Amino acid sequence: MTVVAAVFVAIMGIIACRANARLAGESRLPMQWWFTGEVTWSAPRPVALAFCPALAGIVLGSQVVLAANVAPRPEQEDLVLPALIATGVLFVAIQLLHLWLIARTLRRGIR
């Protein structure tokens, strides 16, 4: 299970590195938006791009530690790995959504 978590964090790291190269001209990137599309706050580019992989590492790492140290409920033993994979997929999807929102915001010139 550690390998699965590490693969997801590595995938997210690669996505972040590619985005960093693509957004090299930007010093700050949006992190949160109002419903109107207005940016509520932004972060320095390295921090903004490292946020999702770092958070995923913490959450997935916690899941691995819990899976190793806490027994699942009876008849749920087979759900531990699928839950870890679902969490990893969700984090990748959220990171891609965040990058899409950043690109859309920068295209529109909203800062």
PDB file of N, CA and C in Angstrom:
ATOM      1  N   MET A   1       0.806  -1.194   0.000  1.00  0.00           N
ATOM      2  CA  MET A   1       0.000   0.000   0.000  1.00  0.00           C
ATOM      3  C   MET A   1       0.851   1.262   0.000  1.00  0.00           C
ATOM      4  N   THR A   2       2.023   1.171   0.583  1.00  0.00           N
ATOM      5  CA  THR A   2       2.923   2.321   0.571  1.00  0.00           C
ATOM      6  C   THR A   2       3.300   2.681  -0.858  1.00  0.00           C
ATOM      7  N   VAL A   3       3.482   1.651  -1.690  1.00  0.00           N
ATOM      8  CA  VAL A   3       3.850   1.878  -3.085  1.00  0.00           C
ATOM      9  C   VAL A   3       2.726   2.605  -3.820  1.00  0.00           C
ATOM     10  N   VAL A   4       1.506   2.212  -3.574  1.00  0.00           N
ATOM     11  CA  VAL A   4       0.355   2.858  -4.228  1.00  0.00           C
ATOM     12  C   VAL A   4       0.294   4.333  -3.849  1.00  0.00           C
ATOM     13  N   ALA A   5       0.449   4.629  -2.564  1.00  0.00           N
ATOM     14  CA  ALA A   5       0.432   6.024  -2.113  1.00  0.00           C
ATOM     15  C   ALA A   5       1.586   6.802  -2.739  1.00  0.00           C
ATOM     16  N   ALA A   6       2.770   6.191  -2.784  1.00  0.00           N
ATOM     17  CA  ALA A   6       3.936   6.865  -3.362  1.00  0.00           C
ATOM     18  C   ALA A   6       3.744   7.125  -4.856  1.00  0.00           C
ATOM     19  N   VAL A   7       3.101   6.195  -5.554  1.00  0.00           N
ATOM     20  CA  VAL A   7       2.851   6.394  -6.993  1.00  0.00           C
ATOM     21  C   VAL A   7       1.934   7.593  -7.212  1.00  0.00           C
ATOM     22  N   PHE A   8       0.879   7.703  -6.415  1.00  0.00           N
ATOM     23  CA  PHE A   8      -0.026   8.849  -6.574  1.00  0.00           C
ATOM     24  C   PHE A   8       0.677  10.167  -6.260  1.00  0.00           C
ATOM     25  N   VAL A   9       1.477  10.196  -5.216  1.00  0.00           N
ATOM     26  CA  VAL A   9       2.207  11.426  -4.870  1.00  0.00           C
ATOM     27  C   VAL A   9       3.210  11.754  -5.971  1.00  0.00           C
ATOM     28  N   ALA A  10       3.858  10.740  -6.544  1.00  0.00           N
ATOM     29  CA  ALA A  10       4.811  10.972  -7.640  1.00  0.00           C
ATOM     30  C   ALA A  10       4.102  11.514  -8.878  1.00  0.00           C
ATOM     31  N   ILE A  11       2.948  10.947  -9.205  1.00  0.00           N
ATOM     32  CA  ILE A  11       2.163  11.450 -10.341  1.00  0.00           C
ATOM     33  C   ILE A  11       1.805  12.910 -10.124  1.00  0.00           C
ATOM     34  N   MET A  12       1.381  13.233  -8.923  1.00  0.00           N
ATOM     35  CA  MET A  12       1.021  14.620  -8.633  1.00  0.00           C
ATOM     36  C   MET A  12       2.240  15.530  -8.677  1.00  0.00           C
ATOM     37  N   GLY A  13       3.384  15.027  -8.250  1.00  0.00           N
ATOM     38  CA  GLY A  13       4.619  15.807  -8.340  1.00  0.00           C
ATOM     39  C   GLY A  13       5.001  16.096  -9.781  1.00  0.00           C
ATOM     40  N   ILE A  14       4.840  15.098 -10.641  1.00  0.00           N
ATOM     41  CA  ILE A  14       5.138  15.288 -12.066  1.00  0.00           C
ATOM     42  C   ILE A  14       4.187  16.306 -12.678  1.00  0.00           C
ATOM     43  N   ILE A  15       2.909  16.202 -12.349  1.00  0.00           N
ATOM     44  CA  ILE A  15       1.928  17.181 -12.853  1.00  0.00           C
ATOM     45  C   ILE A  15       2.303  18.582 -12.388  1.00  0.00           C
ATOM     46  N   ALA A  16       2.694  18.719 -11.131  1.00  0.00           N
ATOM     47  CA  ALA A  16       3.076  20.032 -10.589  1.00  0.00           C
ATOM     48  C   ALA A  16       4.329  20.568 -11.273  1.00  0.00           C
ATOM     49  N   CYS A  17       5.303  19.711 -11.535  1.00  0.00           N
ATOM     50  CA  CYS A  17       6.540  20.161 -12.212  1.00  0.00           C
ATOM     51  C   CYS A  17       6.257  20.623 -13.634  1.00  0.00           C
ATOM     52  N   ARG A  18       5.402  19.891 -14.328  1.00  0.00           N
ATOM     53  CA  ARG A  18       5.038  20.308 -15.691  1.00  0.00           C
ATOM     54  C   ARG A  18       4.279  21.643 -15.670  1.00  0.00           C
ATOM     55  N   ALA A  19       3.391  21.800 -14.700  1.00  0.00           N
ATOM     56  CA  ALA A  19       2.659  23.060 -14.568  1.00  0.00           C
ATOM     57  C   ALA A  19       3.603  24.198 -14.207  1.00  0.00           C
ATOM     58  N   ASN A  20       4.597  23.915 -13.384  1.00  0.00           N
ATOM     59  CA  ASN A  20       5.574  24.934 -13.013  1.00  0.00           C
ATOM     60  C   ASN A  20       6.324  25.430 -14.246  1.00  0.00           C
ATOM     61  N   ALA A  21       6.697  24.520 -15.129  1.00  0.00           N
ATOM     62  CA  ALA A  21       7.385  24.928 -16.358  1.00  0.00           C
ATOM     63  C   ALA A  21       6.454  25.733 -17.256  1.00  0.00           C
ATOM     64  N   ARG A  22       5.193  25.320 -17.333  1.00  0.00           N
ATOM     65  CA  ARG A  22       4.218  26.005 -18.190  1.00  0.00           C
ATOM     66  C   ARG A  22       3.861  27.385 -17.652  1.00  0.00           C
ATOM     67  N   LEU A  23       3.882  27.552 -16.338  1.00  0.00           N
ATOM     68  CA  LEU A  23       3.477  28.819 -15.717  1.00  0.00           C
ATOM     69  C   LEU A  23       4.674  29.618 -15.195  1.00  0.00           C
ATOM     70  N   ALA A  24       5.843  29.405 -15.762  1.00  0.00           N
ATOM     71  CA  ALA A  24       7.071  30.034 -15.269  1.00  0.00           C
ATOM     72  C   ALA A  24       7.001  31.561 -15.274  1.00  0.00           C
ATOM     73  N   GLY A  25       6.178  32.146 -16.110  1.00  0.00           N
ATOM     74  CA  GLY A  25       6.076  33.598 -16.173  1.00  0.00           C
ATOM     75  C   GLY A  25       5.225  34.212 -15.079  1.00  0.00           C
ATOM     76  N   GLU A  26       4.569  33.413 -14.302  1.00  0.00           N
ATOM     77  CA  GLU A  26       3.679  33.909 -13.250  1.00  0.00           C
ATOM     78  C   GLU A  26       4.384  33.821 -11.897  1.00  0.00           C
ATOM     79  N   SER A  27       4.355  34.900 -11.147  1.00  0.00           N
ATOM     80  CA  SER A  27       4.976  34.871  -9.816  1.00  0.00           C
ATOM     81  C   SER A  27       4.011  34.354  -8.754  1.00  0.00           C
ATOM     82  N   ARG A  28       2.710  34.628  -8.928  1.00  0.00           N
ATOM     83  CA  ARG A  28       1.687  34.174  -7.971  1.00  0.00           C
ATOM     84  C   ARG A  28       0.564  33.499  -8.749  1.00  0.00           C
ATOM     85  N   LEU A  29      -0.047  32.507  -8.114  1.00  0.00           N
ATOM     86  CA  LEU A  29      -1.147  31.786  -8.745  1.00  0.00           C
ATOM     87  C   LEU A  29      -2.371  31.815  -7.823  1.00  0.00           C
ATOM     88  N   PRO A  30      -3.555  31.874  -8.423  1.00  0.00           N
ATOM     89  CA  PRO A  30      -4.771  31.876  -7.608  1.00  0.00           C
ATOM     90  C   PRO A  30      -4.934  30.557  -6.861  1.00  0.00           C
ATOM     91  N   MET A  31      -5.463  30.655  -5.648  1.00  0.00           N
ATOM     92  CA  MET A  31      -5.692  29.459  -4.837  1.00  0.00           C
ATOM     93  C   MET A  31      -7.167  29.266  -4.497  1.00  0.00           C
ATOM     94  N   GLN A  32      -7.929  30.345  -4.531  1.00  0.00           N
ATOM     95  CA  GLN A  32      -9.338  30.252  -4.145  1.00  0.00           C
ATOM     96  C   GLN A  32     -10.121  31.306  -4.923  1.00  0.00           C
ATOM     97  N   TRP A  33     -11.378  30.972  -5.250  1.00  0.00           N
ATOM     98  CA  TRP A  33     -12.228  31.855  -6.023  1.00  0.00           C
ATOM     99  C   TRP A  33     -13.582  31.995  -5.351  1.00  0.00           C
ATOM    100  N   TRP A  34     -14.224  33.186  -5.555  1.00  0.00           N
ATOM    101  CA  TRP A  34     -15.617  33.367  -5.183  1.00  0.00           C
ATOM    102  C   TRP A  34     -16.477  32.710  -6.251  1.00  0.00           C
ATOM    103  N   PHE A  35     -17.772  32.612  -6.002  1.00  0.00           N
ATOM    104  CA  PHE A  35     -18.677  32.051  -7.002  1.00  0.00           C
ATOM    105  C   PHE A  35     -18.713  32.895  -8.268  1.00  0.00           C
ATOM    106  N   THR A  36     -18.374  34.166  -8.149  1.00  0.00           N
ATOM    107  CA  THR A  36     -18.368  35.061  -9.303  1.00  0.00           C
ATOM    108  C   THR A  36     -17.136  34.875 -10.180  1.00  0.00           C
ATOM    109  N   GLY A  37     -16.165  34.112  -9.720  1.00  0.00           N
ATOM    110  CA  GLY A  37     -14.936  33.906 -10.462  1.00  0.00           C
ATOM    111  C   GLY A  37     -13.805  34.811 -10.016  1.00  0.00           C
ATOM    112  N   GLU A  38     -14.090  35.707  -9.088  1.00  0.00           N
ATOM    113  CA  GLU A  38     -13.061  36.611  -8.580  1.00  0.00           C
ATOM    114  C   GLU A  38     -12.118  35.842  -7.656  1.00  0.00           C
ATOM    115  N   VAL A  39     -10.824  36.103  -7.812  1.00  0.00           N
ATOM    116  CA  VAL A  39      -9.809  35.436  -6.992  1.00  0.00           C
ATOM    117  C   VAL A  39      -9.823  36.049  -5.602  1.00  0.00           C
ATOM    118  N   THR A  40      -9.944  35.204  -4.575  1.00  0.00           N
ATOM    119  CA  THR A  40      -9.961  35.702  -3.205  1.00  0.00           C
ATOM    120  C   THR A  40      -8.570  35.759  -2.596  1.00  0.00           C
ATOM    121  N   TRP A  41      -7.707  34.827  -2.970  1.00  0.00           N
ATOM    122  CA  TRP A  41      -6.318  34.915  -2.526  1.00  0.00           C
ATOM    123  C   TRP A  41      -5.438  34.096  -3.448  1.00  0.00           C
ATOM    124  N   SER A  42      -4.178  34.460  -3.468  1.00  0.00           N
ATOM    125  CA  SER A  42      -3.212  33.766  -4.311  1.00  0.00           C
ATOM    126  C   SER A  42      -1.979  33.434  -3.473  1.00  0.00           C
ATOM    127  N   ALA A  43      -1.129  32.589  -4.034  1.00  0.00           N
ATOM    128  CA  ALA A  43       0.080  32.171  -3.335  1.00  0.00           C
ATOM    129  C   ALA A  43       1.249  32.229  -4.317  1.00  0.00           C
ATOM    130  N   PRO A  44       2.472  32.315  -3.812  1.00  0.00           N
ATOM    131  CA  PRO A  44       3.623  32.227  -4.708  1.00  0.00           C
ATOM    132  C   PRO A  44       3.554  30.921  -5.513  1.00  0.00           C
ATOM    133  N   ARG A  45       3.984  30.982  -6.764  1.00  0.00           N
ATOM    134  CA  ARG A  45       3.861  29.843  -7.675  1.00  0.00           C
ATOM    135  C   ARG A  45       4.363  28.531  -7.078  1.00  0.00           C
ATOM    136  N   PRO A  46       5.573  28.470  -6.491  1.00  0.00           N
ATOM    137  CA  PRO A  46       6.026  27.175  -5.950  1.00  0.00           C
ATOM    138  C   PRO A  46       5.121  26.640  -4.842  1.00  0.00           C
ATOM    139  N   VAL A  47       4.626  27.527  -3.997  1.00  0.00           N
ATOM    140  CA  VAL A  47       3.743  27.103  -2.904  1.00  0.00           C
ATOM    141  C   VAL A  47       2.410  26.614  -3.468  1.00  0.00           C
ATOM    142  N   ALA A  48       1.858  27.355  -4.424  1.00  0.00           N
ATOM    143  CA  ALA A  48       0.572  26.989  -5.013  1.00  0.00           C
ATOM    144  C   ALA A  48       0.639  25.628  -5.699  1.00  0.00           C
ATOM    145  N   LEU A  49       1.726  25.359  -6.392  1.00  0.00           N
ATOM    146  CA  LEU A  49       1.835  24.099  -7.120  1.00  0.00           C
ATOM    147  C   LEU A  49       2.230  22.929  -6.224  1.00  0.00           C
ATOM    148  N   ALA A  50       2.894  23.201  -5.126  1.00  0.00           N
ATOM    149  CA  ALA A  50       3.297  22.126  -4.212  1.00  0.00           C
ATOM    150  C   ALA A  50       2.199  21.780  -3.209  1.00  0.00           C
ATOM    151  N   PHE A  51       1.188  22.614  -3.090  1.00  0.00           N
ATOM    152  CA  PHE A  51       0.157  22.409  -2.070  1.00  0.00           C
ATOM    153  C   PHE A  51      -0.572  21.073  -2.232  1.00  0.00           C
ATOM    154  N   CYS A  52      -1.087  20.790  -3.427  1.00  0.00           N
ATOM    155  CA  CYS A  52      -1.854  19.548  -3.638  1.00  0.00           C
ATOM    156  C   CYS A  52      -1.001  18.295  -3.427  1.00  0.00           C
ATOM    157  N   PRO A  53       0.202  18.201  -4.021  1.00  0.00           N
ATOM    158  CA  PRO A  53       1.007  17.003  -3.767  1.00  0.00           C
ATOM    159  C   PRO A  53       1.384  16.841  -2.292  1.00  0.00           C
ATOM    160  N   ALA A  54       1.667  17.937  -1.607  1.00  0.00           N
ATOM    161  CA  ALA A  54       2.025  17.843  -0.191  1.00  0.00           C
ATOM    162  C   ALA A  54       0.834  17.375   0.646  1.00  0.00           C
ATOM    163  N   LEU A  55      -0.331  17.936   0.390  1.00  0.00           N
ATOM    164  CA  LEU A  55      -1.529  17.525   1.116  1.00  0.00           C
ATOM    165  C   LEU A  55      -1.856  16.058   0.828  1.00  0.00           C
ATOM    166  N   ALA A  56      -1.711  15.655  -0.431  1.00  0.00           N
ATOM    167  CA  ALA A  56      -1.960  14.255  -0.790  1.00  0.00           C
ATOM    168  C   ALA A  56      -0.976  13.339  -0.071  1.00  0.00           C
ATOM    169  N   GLY A  57       0.279  13.741   0.026  1.00  0.00           N
ATOM    170  CA  GLY A  57       1.263  12.935   0.734  1.00  0.00           C
ATOM    171  C   GLY A  57       0.897  12.749   2.191  1.00  0.00           C
ATOM    172  N   ILE A  58       0.419  13.811   2.815  1.00  0.00           N
ATOM    173  CA  ILE A  58       0.019  13.726   4.223  1.00  0.00           C
ATOM    174  C   ILE A  58      -1.197  12.811   4.392  1.00  0.00           C
ATOM    175  N   VAL A  59      -2.212  13.000   3.565  1.00  0.00           N
ATOM    176  CA  VAL A  59      -3.443  12.223   3.701  1.00  0.00           C
ATOM    177  C   VAL A  59      -3.205  10.753   3.332  1.00  0.00           C
ATOM    178  N   LEU A  60      -2.546  10.508   2.194  1.00  0.00           N
ATOM    179  CA  LEU A  60      -2.305   9.128   1.782  1.00  0.00           C
ATOM    180  C   LEU A  60      -1.351   8.428   2.750  1.00  0.00           C
ATOM    181  N   GLY A  61      -0.351   9.150   3.228  1.00  0.00           N
ATOM    182  CA  GLY A  61       0.550   8.581   4.222  1.00  0.00           C
ATOM    183  C   GLY A  61      -0.188   8.216   5.501  1.00  0.00           C
ATOM    184  N   SER A  62      -1.101   9.063   5.905  1.00  0.00           N
ATOM    185  CA  SER A  62      -1.918   8.773   7.096  1.00  0.00           C
ATOM    186  C   SER A  62      -2.777   7.538   6.879  1.00  0.00           C
ATOM    187  N   GLN A  63      -3.332   7.409   5.680  1.00  0.00           N
ATOM    188  CA  GLN A  63      -4.137   6.227   5.383  1.00  0.00           C
ATOM    189  C   GLN A  63      -3.296   4.954   5.451  1.00  0.00           C
ATOM    190  N   VAL A  64      -2.074   5.019   4.936  1.00  0.00           N
ATOM    191  CA  VAL A  64      -1.193   3.851   4.977  1.00  0.00           C
ATOM    192  C   VAL A  64      -0.859   3.485   6.421  1.00  0.00           C
ATOM    193  N   VAL A  65      -0.541   4.489   7.236  1.00  0.00           N
ATOM    194  CA  VAL A  65      -0.217   4.235   8.646  1.00  0.00           C
ATOM    195  C   VAL A  65      -1.424   3.653   9.369  1.00  0.00           C
ATOM    196  N   LEU A  66      -2.599   4.213   9.129  1.00  0.00           N
ATOM    197  CA  LEU A  66      -3.810   3.692   9.764  1.00  0.00           C
ATOM    198  C   LEU A  66      -4.112   2.260   9.318  1.00  0.00           C
ATOM    199  N   ALA A  67      -3.936   2.000   8.035  1.00  0.00           N
ATOM    200  CA  ALA A  67      -4.200   0.650   7.523  1.00  0.00           C
ATOM    201  C   ALA A  67      -3.250  -0.367   8.137  1.00  0.00           C
ATOM    202  N   ALA A  68      -2.037   0.045   8.433  1.00  0.00           N
ATOM    203  CA  ALA A  68      -1.051  -0.865   9.018  1.00  0.00           C
ATOM    204  C   ALA A  68      -1.267  -1.071  10.518  1.00  0.00           C
ATOM    205  N   ASN A  69      -1.898  -0.109  11.177  1.00  0.00           N
ATOM    206  CA  ASN A  69      -1.993  -0.160  12.640  1.00  0.00           C
ATOM    207  C   ASN A  69      -3.388  -0.324  13.208  1.00  0.00           C
ATOM    208  N   VAL A  70      -4.408  -0.146  12.399  1.00  0.00           N
ATOM    209  CA  VAL A  70      -5.790  -0.249  12.891  1.00  0.00           C
ATOM    210  C   VAL A  70      -6.497  -1.330  12.079  1.00  0.00           C
ATOM    211  N   ALA A  71      -7.056  -2.291  12.770  1.00  0.00           N
ATOM    212  CA  ALA A  71      -7.773  -3.375  12.084  1.00  0.00           C
ATOM    213  C   ALA A  71      -9.094  -2.856  11.526  1.00  0.00           C
ATOM    214  N   PRO A  72      -9.391  -3.187  10.260  1.00  0.00           N
ATOM    215  CA  PRO A  72     -10.682  -2.767   9.710  1.00  0.00           C
ATOM    216  C   PRO A  72     -11.821  -3.550  10.349  1.00  0.00           C
ATOM    217  N   ARG A  73     -13.017  -3.065  10.171  1.00  0.00           N
ATOM    218  CA  ARG A  73     -14.194  -3.759  10.694  1.00  0.00           C
ATOM    219  C   ARG A  73     -14.329  -5.108   9.988  1.00  0.00           C
ATOM    220  N   PRO A  74     -14.975  -6.041  10.629  1.00  0.00           N
ATOM    221  CA  PRO A  74     -15.167  -7.343   9.984  1.00  0.00           C
ATOM    222  C   PRO A  74     -15.851  -7.200   8.621  1.00  0.00           C
ATOM    223  N   GLU A  75     -15.386  -7.942   7.673  1.00  0.00           N
ATOM    224  CA  GLU A  75     -15.871  -7.981   6.291  1.00  0.00           C
ATOM    225  C   GLU A  75     -15.563  -6.712   5.503  1.00  0.00           C
ATOM    226  N   GLN A  76     -14.717  -5.829   6.033  1.00  0.00           N
ATOM    227  CA  GLN A  76     -14.292  -4.644   5.288  1.00  0.00           C
ATOM    228  C   GLN A  76     -12.793  -4.675   4.991  1.00  0.00           C
ATOM    229  N   GLU A  77     -12.156  -5.813   5.248  1.00  0.00           N
ATOM    230  CA  GLU A  77     -10.721  -5.930   5.038  1.00  0.00           C
ATOM    231  C   GLU A  77     -10.334  -5.681   3.580  1.00  0.00           C
ATOM    232  N   ASP A  78     -11.208  -6.064   2.654  1.00  0.00           N
ATOM    233  CA  ASP A  78     -10.897  -5.924   1.233  1.00  0.00           C
ATOM    234  C   ASP A  78     -11.144  -4.511   0.701  1.00  0.00           C
ATOM    235  N   LEU A  79     -11.587  -3.610   1.529  1.00  0.00           N
ATOM    236  CA  LEU A  79     -11.892  -2.245   1.083  1.00  0.00           C
ATOM    237  C   LEU A  79     -10.760  -1.255   1.346  1.00  0.00           C
ATOM    238  N   VAL A  80      -9.726  -1.692   2.048  1.00  0.00           N
ATOM    239  CA  VAL A  80      -8.654  -0.769   2.421  1.00  0.00           C
ATOM    240  C   VAL A  80      -7.911  -0.276   1.176  1.00  0.00           C
ATOM    241  N   LEU A  81      -7.478  -1.179   0.317  1.00  0.00           N
ATOM    242  CA  LEU A  81      -6.751  -0.779  -0.890  1.00  0.00           C
ATOM    243  C   LEU A  81      -7.631   0.025  -1.850  1.00  0.00           C
ATOM    244  N   PRO A  82      -8.869  -0.398  -2.140  1.00  0.00           N
ATOM    245  CA  PRO A  82      -9.716   0.432  -2.999  1.00  0.00           C
ATOM    246  C   PRO A  82      -9.960   1.836  -2.437  1.00  0.00           C
ATOM    247  N   ALA A  83     -10.071   1.952  -1.116  1.00  0.00           N
ATOM    248  CA  ALA A  83     -10.255   3.277  -0.514  1.00  0.00           C
ATOM    249  C   ALA A  83      -9.016   4.142  -0.718  1.00  0.00           C
ATOM    250  N   LEU A  84      -7.844   3.551  -0.600  1.00  0.00           N
ATOM    251  CA  LEU A  84      -6.595   4.280  -0.830  1.00  0.00           C
ATOM    252  C   LEU A  84      -6.500   4.728  -2.291  1.00  0.00           C
ATOM    253  N   ILE A  85      -6.839   3.841  -3.205  1.00  0.00           N
ATOM    254  CA  ILE A  85      -6.804   4.183  -4.634  1.00  0.00           C
ATOM    255  C   ILE A  85      -7.825   5.272  -4.944  1.00  0.00           C
ATOM    256  N   ALA A  86      -9.019   5.173  -4.389  1.00  0.00           N
ATOM    257  CA  ALA A  86     -10.044   6.194  -4.625  1.00  0.00           C
ATOM    258  C   ALA A  86      -9.590   7.551  -4.100  1.00  0.00           C
ATOM    259  N   THR A  87      -8.940   7.564  -2.949  1.00  0.00           N
ATOM    260  CA  THR A  87      -8.429   8.820  -2.400  1.00  0.00           C
ATOM    261  C   THR A  87      -7.355   9.406  -3.315  1.00  0.00           C
ATOM    262  N   GLY A  88      -6.460   8.553  -3.816  1.00  0.00           N
ATOM    263  CA  GLY A  88      -5.411   9.015  -4.728  1.00  0.00           C
ATOM    264  C   GLY A  88      -5.978   9.578  -6.014  1.00  0.00           C
ATOM    265  N   VAL A  89      -6.955   8.883  -6.596  1.00  0.00           N
ATOM    266  CA  VAL A  89      -7.596   9.356  -7.828  1.00  0.00           C
ATOM    267  C   VAL A  89      -8.293  10.691  -7.582  1.00  0.00           C
ATOM    268  N   LEU A  90      -8.958  10.808  -6.449  1.00  0.00           N
ATOM    269  CA  LEU A  90      -9.641  12.056  -6.103  1.00  0.00           C
ATOM    270  C   LEU A  90      -8.646  13.217  -5.986  1.00  0.00           C
ATOM    271  N   PHE A  91      -7.507  12.970  -5.357  1.00  0.00           N
ATOM    272  CA  PHE A  91      -6.498  14.033  -5.237  1.00  0.00           C
ATOM    273  C   PHE A  91      -5.959  14.456  -6.600  1.00  0.00           C
ATOM    274  N   VAL A  92      -5.713  13.502  -7.484  1.00  0.00           N
ATOM    275  CA  VAL A  92      -5.236  13.848  -8.836  1.00  0.00           C
ATOM    276  C   VAL A  92      -6.299  14.668  -9.558  1.00  0.00           C
ATOM    277  N   ALA A  93      -7.557  14.265  -9.451  1.00  0.00           N
ATOM    278  CA  ALA A  93      -8.643  15.008 -10.109  1.00  0.00           C
ATOM    279  C   ALA A  93      -8.753  16.430  -9.556  1.00  0.00           C
ATOM    280  N   ILE A  94      -8.627  16.580  -8.241  1.00  0.00           N
ATOM    281  CA  ILE A  94      -8.697  17.912  -7.635  1.00  0.00           C
ATOM    282  C   ILE A  94      -7.526  18.777  -8.097  1.00  0.00           C
ATOM    283  N   GLN A  95      -6.333  18.177  -8.187  1.00  0.00           N
ATOM    284  CA  GLN A  95      -5.175  18.937  -8.658  1.00  0.00           C
ATOM    285  C   GLN A  95      -5.393  19.397 -10.103  1.00  0.00           C
ATOM    286  N   LEU A  96      -5.902  18.508 -10.945  1.00  0.00           N
ATOM    287  CA  LEU A  96      -6.157  18.882 -12.342  1.00  0.00           C
ATOM    288  C   LEU A  96      -7.233  19.958 -12.433  1.00  0.00           C
ATOM    289  N   LEU A  97      -8.262  19.886 -11.592  1.00  0.00           N
ATOM    290  CA  LEU A  97      -9.284  20.939 -11.550  1.00  0.00           C
ATOM    291  C   LEU A  97      -8.663  22.264 -11.128  1.00  0.00           C
ATOM    292  N   HIS A  98      -7.821  22.236 -10.117  1.00  0.00           N
ATOM    293  CA  HIS A  98      -7.164  23.464  -9.655  1.00  0.00           C
ATOM    294  C   HIS A  98      -6.317  24.071 -10.775  1.00  0.00           C
ATOM    295  N   LEU A  99      -5.572  23.253 -11.487  1.00  0.00           N
ATOM    296  CA  LEU A  99      -4.746  23.770 -12.584  1.00  0.00           C
ATOM    297  C   LEU A  99      -5.607  24.300 -13.725  1.00  0.00           C
ATOM    298  N   TRP A 100      -6.744  23.658 -13.980  1.00  0.00           N
ATOM    299  CA  TRP A 100      -7.653  24.150 -15.011  1.00  0.00           C
ATOM    300  C   TRP A 100      -8.229  25.503 -14.609  1.00  0.00           C
ATOM    301  N   LEU A 101      -8.614  25.639 -13.339  1.00  0.00           N
ATOM    302  CA  LEU A 101      -9.139  26.923 -12.862  1.00  0.00           C
ATOM    303  C   LEU A 101      -8.070  28.015 -12.932  1.00  0.00           C
ATOM    304  N   ILE A 102      -6.845  27.668 -12.607  1.00  0.00           N
ATOM    305  CA  ILE A 102      -5.742  28.641 -12.716  1.00  0.00           C
ATOM    306  C   ILE A 102      -5.587  29.090 -14.159  1.00  0.00           C
ATOM    307  N   ALA A 103      -5.538  28.130 -15.086  1.00  0.00           N
ATOM    308  CA  ALA A 103      -5.359  28.475 -16.502  1.00  0.00           C
ATOM    309  C   ALA A 103      -6.509  29.337 -17.008  1.00  0.00           C
ATOM    310  N   ARG A 104      -7.726  28.998 -16.620  1.00  0.00           N
ATOM    311  CA  ARG A 104      -8.889  29.792 -17.040  1.00  0.00           C
ATOM    312  C   ARG A 104      -8.817  31.200 -16.493  1.00  0.00           C
ATOM    313  N   THR A 105      -8.426  31.330 -15.241  1.00  0.00           N
ATOM    314  CA  THR A 105      -8.306  32.653 -14.607  1.00  0.00           C
ATOM    315  C   THR A 105      -7.236  33.486 -15.303  1.00  0.00           C
ATOM    316  N   LEU A 106      -6.098  32.872 -15.590  1.00  0.00           N
ATOM    317  CA  LEU A 106      -5.019  33.619 -16.235  1.00  0.00           C
ATOM    318  C   LEU A 106      -5.398  34.020 -17.665  1.00  0.00           C
ATOM    319  N   ARG A 107      -6.122  33.149 -18.369  1.00  0.00           N
ATOM    320  CA  ARG A 107      -6.578  33.490 -19.726  1.00  0.00           C
ATOM    321  C   ARG A 107      -7.522  34.678 -19.699  1.00  0.00           C
ATOM    322  N   ARG A 108      -8.382  34.739 -18.685  1.00  0.00           N
ATOM    323  CA  ARG A 108      -9.365  35.815 -18.576  1.00  0.00           C
ATOM    324  C   ARG A 108      -8.753  37.088 -18.028  1.00  0.00           C
ATOM    325  N   GLY A 109      -7.554  37.004 -17.490  1.00  0.00           N
ATOM    326  CA  GLY A 109      -6.889  38.187 -16.949  1.00  0.00           C
ATOM    327  C   GLY A 109      -7.414  38.627 -15.604  1.00  0.00           C
ATOM    328  N   ILE A 110      -8.121  37.734 -14.895  1.00  0.00           N
ATOM    329  CA  ILE A 110      -8.653  38.071 -13.572  1.00  0.00           C
ATOM    330  C   ILE A 110      -7.567  37.842 -12.548  1.00  0.00           C
ATOM    331  N   ARG A 111      -7.284  38.846 -11.731  1.00  0.00           N
ATOM    332  CA  ARG A 111      -6.225  38.686 -10.730  1.00  0.00           C
ATOM    333  C   ARG A 111      -6.716  39.125  -9.396  1.00  0.00           C
TER     334      ARG A 111
END
